[in-house]
Amino acid sequence: MMNNALTIDVEDYYMVSAFADKVKFVEWPTYESRVERNTYMILDLLEKSGVIATFFILGWVAERHPKLVRDIYTAKHEIACHGYNHRLIYDLTPRQFREDTIKAKDILENIVGTEVKGYRAASYSIIKETLWALDVLIETGFRYDSSIFPIHHDRYGLPDAKRFAHVIERPSGSIVEIPPSTWHIYGHNIPVGGGGYLRLYPRLLTEAVIRRINTYEKEPAILYVHPWEIDIDQPRINGKWLSKLRHYINIDSTLPKLASCLSEFNFQPLINIINSKFND
């Protein structure tokens, strides 16, 4: 069986971009923290399933929960960077993005004592207007990025981007881009296998698309999930109706769907897929 990749974006329920207009960064310390509990639940599931994953961790979370980061690393999972405080790249200047990225990368590397090679932007916010962020990632030592979603969406996406792992050449050098999975049907890319899409679609449909990607396109599927997505008891935030719909829809289905995928398919960290496809 082909090896796919499971990625975990380690952030808490109140940090998401959908509620950024309701929860300001300065208010984060006032909210109940549930990220540690939820991440350990995912770690337990991965251990029982024999799966090694990639964890994209916010620097702010890592600062406050360094033991969690060390435990993830000790369990042989890949530590990767999700920025410092979940700011959208298109809301930042290049200088601000560089400072945010370096800060987060340094925090993670100081905790685990090894190089962090992977990056994923908050809410996949590397879009056409922010491709300059790839130059910053190259200059700050990242080997790969997983931020360009090849879909149409109201808040992110680059629909004409390649669907599978590839090398992007930039003025600063080159970087491997490995996008989240999509289902190409009738000329369109449909997001599948992660976040709200995992919760929205029936389990059998998600698994059928993963099999199709593996069997017919001969490529690994890239899945993603957030720790808050398995937390049915998390405090509710009264945001906009669309934000609440996206955040809470079928949240009770995440864990069983994830567990089923882990039992049906093989998974490995992103860096392993990159190393096998783009040999050092």
Protein backbone atom coordinates (compact mmCIF):
# COMPACT_ATOMS: atom_id res chain seq x y z
CA MET A 1 0.00 0.00 0.00
CA MET A 2 1.12 3.53 -0.72
CA ASN A 3 2.22 5.68 2.19
CA ASN A 4 0.06 8.76 2.67
CA ALA A 5 0.70 11.59 5.14
CA LEU A 6 -1.27 12.71 8.17
CA THR A 7 -0.64 16.25 9.40
CA ILE A 8 -1.82 17.84 12.65
CA ASP A 9 -2.12 21.64 12.90
CA VAL A 10 -1.59 22.20 16.63
CA GLU A 11 -3.70 25.16 17.67
CA ASP A 12 -6.54 25.72 20.14
CA TYR A 13 -10.24 26.31 19.41
CA TYR A 14 -10.10 30.08 20.05
CA MET A 15 -7.05 30.67 17.82
CA VAL A 16 -8.71 29.89 14.49
CA SER A 17 -8.93 32.53 11.78
CA ALA A 18 -12.70 32.12 11.59
CA PHE A 19 -13.06 33.70 15.05
CA ALA A 20 -10.23 36.25 14.77
CA ASP A 21 -12.79 39.09 14.72
CA LYS A 22 -14.20 37.85 18.04
CA VAL A 23 -11.05 36.72 19.84
CA LYS A 24 -8.07 39.06 19.71
CA PHE A 25 -4.55 37.75 20.21
CA VAL A 26 -4.14 39.73 23.43
CA GLU A 27 -7.17 37.85 24.81
CA TRP A 28 -5.79 34.36 24.16
CA PRO A 29 -4.45 33.91 27.73
CA THR A 30 -7.95 34.51 29.12
CA TYR A 31 -9.46 31.48 27.35
CA GLU A 32 -9.51 27.95 28.69
CA SER A 33 -6.64 26.02 27.11
CA ARG A 34 -7.64 22.62 25.71
CA VAL A 35 -4.92 22.07 23.12
CA GLU A 36 -2.73 19.92 25.35
CA ARG A 37 -5.53 17.52 26.30
CA ASN A 38 -6.76 17.19 22.72
CA THR A 39 -3.30 16.70 21.23
CA TYR A 40 -2.52 13.92 23.70
CA MET A 41 -5.76 12.21 22.63
CA ILE A 42 -4.54 12.29 19.04
CA LEU A 43 -1.13 11.01 20.12
CA ASP A 44 -2.81 8.08 21.87
CA LEU A 45 -4.79 7.25 18.72
CA LEU A 46 -1.65 7.42 16.59
CA GLU A 47 0.23 5.14 18.97
CA LYS A 48 -2.56 2.56 18.92
CA SER A 49 -2.68 2.76 15.12
CA GLY A 50 1.08 2.59 14.69
CA VAL A 51 1.09 5.85 12.68
CA ILE A 52 3.81 8.50 12.62
CA ALA A 53 2.60 11.96 11.56
CA THR A 54 3.73 15.54 11.01
CA PHE A 55 2.74 18.12 13.65
CA PHE A 56 2.63 21.75 12.49
CA ILE A 57 2.85 23.56 15.83
CA LEU A 58 2.16 27.21 16.62
CA GLY A 59 5.12 28.90 18.33
CA TRP A 60 2.78 30.46 20.90
CA VAL A 61 1.50 27.01 21.86
CA ALA A 62 5.03 25.58 21.98
CA GLU A 63 6.16 28.36 24.34
CA ARG A 64 3.46 27.44 26.82
CA HIS A 65 3.54 23.69 26.38
CA PRO A 66 7.16 22.70 25.72
CA LYS A 67 6.64 19.27 27.29
CA LEU A 68 3.90 18.56 24.76
CA VAL A 69 6.30 19.39 21.93
CA ARG A 70 8.99 17.17 23.42
CA ASP A 71 6.50 14.32 23.87
CA ILE A 72 5.44 14.61 20.23
CA TYR A 73 9.08 14.49 19.18
CA THR A 74 9.92 11.62 21.53
CA ALA A 75 7.11 9.62 19.93
CA LYS A 76 9.04 9.95 16.63
CA HIS A 77 6.62 12.36 14.98
CA GLU A 78 7.92 15.17 12.79
CA ILE A 79 7.95 18.65 14.31
CA ALA A 80 7.06 21.38 11.80
CA CYS A 81 6.20 25.08 11.99
CA HIS A 82 2.75 26.70 11.85
CA GLY A 83 3.92 30.26 12.51
CA TYR A 84 3.86 32.01 15.86
CA ASN A 85 0.32 33.22 16.51
CA HIS A 86 -1.78 32.15 13.52
CA ARG A 87 -1.64 35.42 11.62
CA LEU A 88 -2.71 35.31 7.98
CA ILE A 89 0.19 36.03 5.65
CA TYR A 90 -1.85 38.42 3.50
CA ASP A 91 -2.35 40.57 6.63
CA LEU A 92 1.43 40.83 7.15
CA THR A 93 4.28 42.68 5.49
CA PRO A 94 7.26 40.61 4.33
CA ARG A 95 9.24 41.90 7.31
CA GLN A 96 6.50 40.96 9.78
CA PHE A 97 6.18 37.52 8.25
CA ARG A 98 9.93 36.96 8.44
CA GLU A 99 10.00 37.95 12.12
CA ASP A 100 6.98 35.74 12.92
CA THR A 101 8.47 32.76 11.09
CA ILE A 102 11.95 33.03 12.61
CA LYS A 103 10.48 33.41 16.09
CA ALA A 104 8.33 30.30 15.76
CA LYS A 105 11.07 28.22 14.13
CA ASP A 106 13.58 29.16 16.84
CA ILE A 107 11.14 28.25 19.63
CA LEU A 108 10.50 24.79 18.20
CA GLU A 109 14.14 24.06 17.42
CA ASN A 110 15.24 25.13 20.89
CA ILE A 111 12.70 22.75 22.46
CA VAL A 112 13.53 19.64 20.44
CA GLY A 113 17.15 20.41 19.54
CA THR A 114 16.80 19.58 15.86
CA GLU A 115 16.17 21.39 12.59
CA VAL A 116 12.58 22.18 11.64
CA LYS A 117 12.20 21.66 7.89
CA GLY A 118 8.47 22.07 7.21
CA TYR A 119 6.09 25.03 7.28
CA ARG A 120 2.33 25.50 6.93
CA ALA A 121 0.73 28.93 6.91
CA ALA A 122 -2.28 29.82 9.02
CA SER A 123 -5.42 29.02 6.99
CA TYR A 124 -3.34 28.19 3.89
CA SER A 125 -2.74 31.91 3.37
CA ILE A 126 -0.03 31.62 0.73
CA ILE A 127 -2.08 32.78 -2.24
CA LYS A 128 -1.23 34.52 -5.53
CA GLU A 129 -0.59 37.83 -3.77
CA THR A 130 1.66 36.31 -1.10
CA LEU A 131 3.93 34.01 -3.09
CA TRP A 132 6.78 36.19 -1.82
CA ALA A 133 6.40 34.26 1.44
CA LEU A 134 8.09 31.29 -0.25
CA ASP A 135 11.26 33.39 -0.62
CA VAL A 136 11.19 34.10 3.11
CA LEU A 137 10.78 30.39 3.86
CA ILE A 138 13.72 29.52 1.61
CA GLU A 139 15.90 32.23 3.18
CA THR A 140 15.04 31.06 6.70
CA GLY A 141 16.03 27.46 5.99
CA PHE A 142 12.82 25.53 5.33
CA ARG A 143 12.99 22.51 3.04
CA TYR A 144 9.29 22.32 2.23
CA ASP A 145 5.98 24.17 2.49
CA SER A 146 2.42 22.85 2.72
CA SER A 147 0.42 26.07 2.45
CA ILE A 148 -0.82 26.29 -1.15
CA PHE A 149 -4.28 24.77 -1.50
CA PRO A 150 -5.10 24.27 -5.21
CA ILE A 151 -8.79 25.17 -4.86
CA HIS A 152 -11.25 28.06 -5.12
CA HIS A 153 -12.18 29.40 -1.68
CA ASP A 154 -13.35 32.73 -0.31
CA ARG A 155 -10.37 33.04 2.05
CA TYR A 156 -7.51 31.07 0.51
CA GLY A 157 -6.50 28.93 -2.43
CA LEU A 158 -4.55 28.98 -5.68
CA PRO A 159 -6.76 26.94 -8.03
CA ASP A 160 -4.22 26.67 -10.84
CA ALA A 161 -1.47 25.33 -8.58
CA LYS A 162 -0.18 21.77 -8.97
CA ARG A 163 -2.04 19.18 -6.92
CA PHE A 164 0.88 17.02 -5.81
CA ALA A 165 4.36 17.51 -4.39
CA HIS A 166 6.62 19.54 -6.66
CA VAL A 167 9.60 21.88 -6.56
CA ILE A 168 8.97 25.61 -6.85
CA GLU A 169 11.82 27.78 -8.12
CA ARG A 170 11.98 31.26 -6.65
CA PRO A 171 14.50 34.14 -6.82
CA SER A 172 15.81 33.01 -3.41
CA GLY A 173 16.22 29.38 -4.44
CA SER A 174 13.94 26.35 -4.47
CA ILE A 175 11.46 24.78 -2.07
CA VAL A 176 9.27 21.69 -2.21
CA GLU A 177 5.54 22.41 -2.12
CA ILE A 178 3.27 19.59 -0.92
CA PRO A 179 -0.40 20.63 -1.05
CA PRO A 180 -3.32 19.16 0.89
CA SER A 181 -5.26 16.61 -1.14
CA THR A 182 -7.92 17.40 -3.69
CA TRP A 183 -10.24 15.36 -5.90
CA HIS A 184 -10.07 16.48 -9.53
CA ILE A 185 -13.48 15.99 -11.09
CA TYR A 186 -15.18 17.69 -14.05
CA GLY A 187 -12.32 20.14 -14.39
CA HIS A 188 -12.39 21.30 -10.78
CA ASN A 189 -10.34 20.52 -7.67
CA ILE A 190 -12.50 19.57 -4.70
CA PRO A 191 -10.77 19.69 -1.28
CA VAL A 192 -10.88 16.40 0.56
CA GLY A 193 -9.42 14.66 3.60
CA GLY A 194 -8.89 17.42 6.07
CA GLY A 195 -10.42 19.85 8.51
CA GLY A 196 -14.02 20.77 7.77
CA TYR A 197 -13.91 18.71 4.58
CA LEU A 198 -13.21 15.56 6.57
CA ARG A 199 -16.10 16.41 8.87
CA LEU A 200 -18.46 17.39 6.06
CA TYR A 201 -18.08 14.45 3.67
CA PRO A 202 -19.27 10.91 4.41
CA ARG A 203 -16.46 8.64 5.58
CA LEU A 204 -16.84 6.28 2.63
CA LEU A 205 -16.48 9.14 0.15
CA THR A 206 -13.29 10.41 1.76
CA GLU A 207 -11.80 6.93 1.80
CA ALA A 208 -12.83 6.31 -1.82
CA VAL A 209 -11.07 9.50 -2.93
CA ILE A 210 -7.91 8.57 -1.01
CA ARG A 211 -7.93 5.18 -2.76
CA ARG A 212 -8.40 6.88 -6.11
CA ILE A 213 -5.46 9.21 -5.47
CA ASN A 214 -3.30 6.24 -4.48
CA THR A 215 -4.43 3.81 -7.16
CA TYR A 216 -5.11 5.86 -10.26
CA GLU A 217 -2.96 8.94 -9.75
CA LYS A 218 -0.15 7.01 -8.00
CA GLU A 219 0.29 9.77 -5.44
CA PRO A 220 0.10 9.95 -1.65
CA ALA A 221 -2.89 11.66 -0.08
CA ILE A 222 -2.21 14.46 2.39
CA LEU A 223 -4.69 14.63 5.28
CA TYR A 224 -4.91 17.24 8.01
CA VAL A 225 -6.77 17.71 11.26
CA HIS A 226 -6.72 20.11 14.23
CA PRO A 227 -6.80 19.01 17.89
CA TRP A 228 -9.91 21.12 18.53
CA GLU A 229 -11.77 19.13 15.87
CA ILE A 230 -12.00 16.10 18.17
CA ASP A 231 -13.24 18.17 21.13
CA ILE A 232 -17.03 18.03 21.22
CA ASP A 233 -17.14 19.76 24.63
CA GLN A 234 -15.10 22.83 23.70
CA PRO A 235 -16.56 26.22 24.73
CA ARG A 236 -18.69 27.73 21.97
CA ILE A 237 -17.71 31.07 20.47
CA ASN A 238 -20.50 33.26 19.13
CA GLY A 239 -19.00 34.24 15.78
CA LYS A 240 -20.58 34.80 12.38
CA TRP A 241 -22.99 32.10 11.25
CA LEU A 242 -20.69 30.86 8.46
CA SER A 243 -17.71 30.74 10.81
CA LYS A 244 -19.70 28.75 13.35
CA LEU A 245 -20.95 26.40 10.66
CA ARG A 246 -17.42 25.74 9.39
CA HIS A 247 -16.01 25.29 12.85
CA TYR A 248 -18.65 23.11 14.49
CA ILE A 249 -20.23 21.08 11.68
CA ASN A 250 -20.09 17.33 12.36
CA ILE A 251 -17.41 17.84 15.00
CA ASP A 252 -18.51 14.62 16.67
CA SER A 253 -17.56 12.70 13.50
CA THR A 254 -13.87 13.67 13.39
CA LEU A 255 -12.45 11.03 15.71
CA PRO A 256 -14.27 8.02 14.22
CA LYS A 257 -13.51 9.16 10.66
CA LEU A 258 -9.86 9.71 11.51
CA ALA A 259 -9.61 6.35 13.24
CA SER A 260 -11.15 4.64 10.21
CA CYS A 261 -8.66 6.29 7.83
CA LEU A 262 -5.77 5.25 10.05
CA SER A 263 -6.97 1.64 9.94
CA GLU A 264 -7.56 1.62 6.18
CA PHE A 265 -4.41 3.33 4.89
CA ASN A 266 -0.68 3.64 5.56
CA PHE A 267 0.71 6.96 6.76
CA GLN A 268 4.12 8.52 7.33
CA PRO A 269 5.44 12.05 8.01
CA LEU A 270 5.60 14.56 5.18
CA ILE A 271 9.38 14.73 5.33
CA ASN A 272 9.58 11.01 4.51
CA ILE A 273 7.46 11.48 1.38
CA ILE A 274 9.61 14.42 0.33
CA ASN A 275 12.85 12.55 0.93
CA SER A 276 11.67 9.59 -1.13
CA LYS A 277 10.49 11.77 -4.01
CA PHE A 278 13.18 14.45 -3.94
CA ASN A 279 16.31 12.69 -2.74
CA ASP A 280 18.89 14.83 -0.93
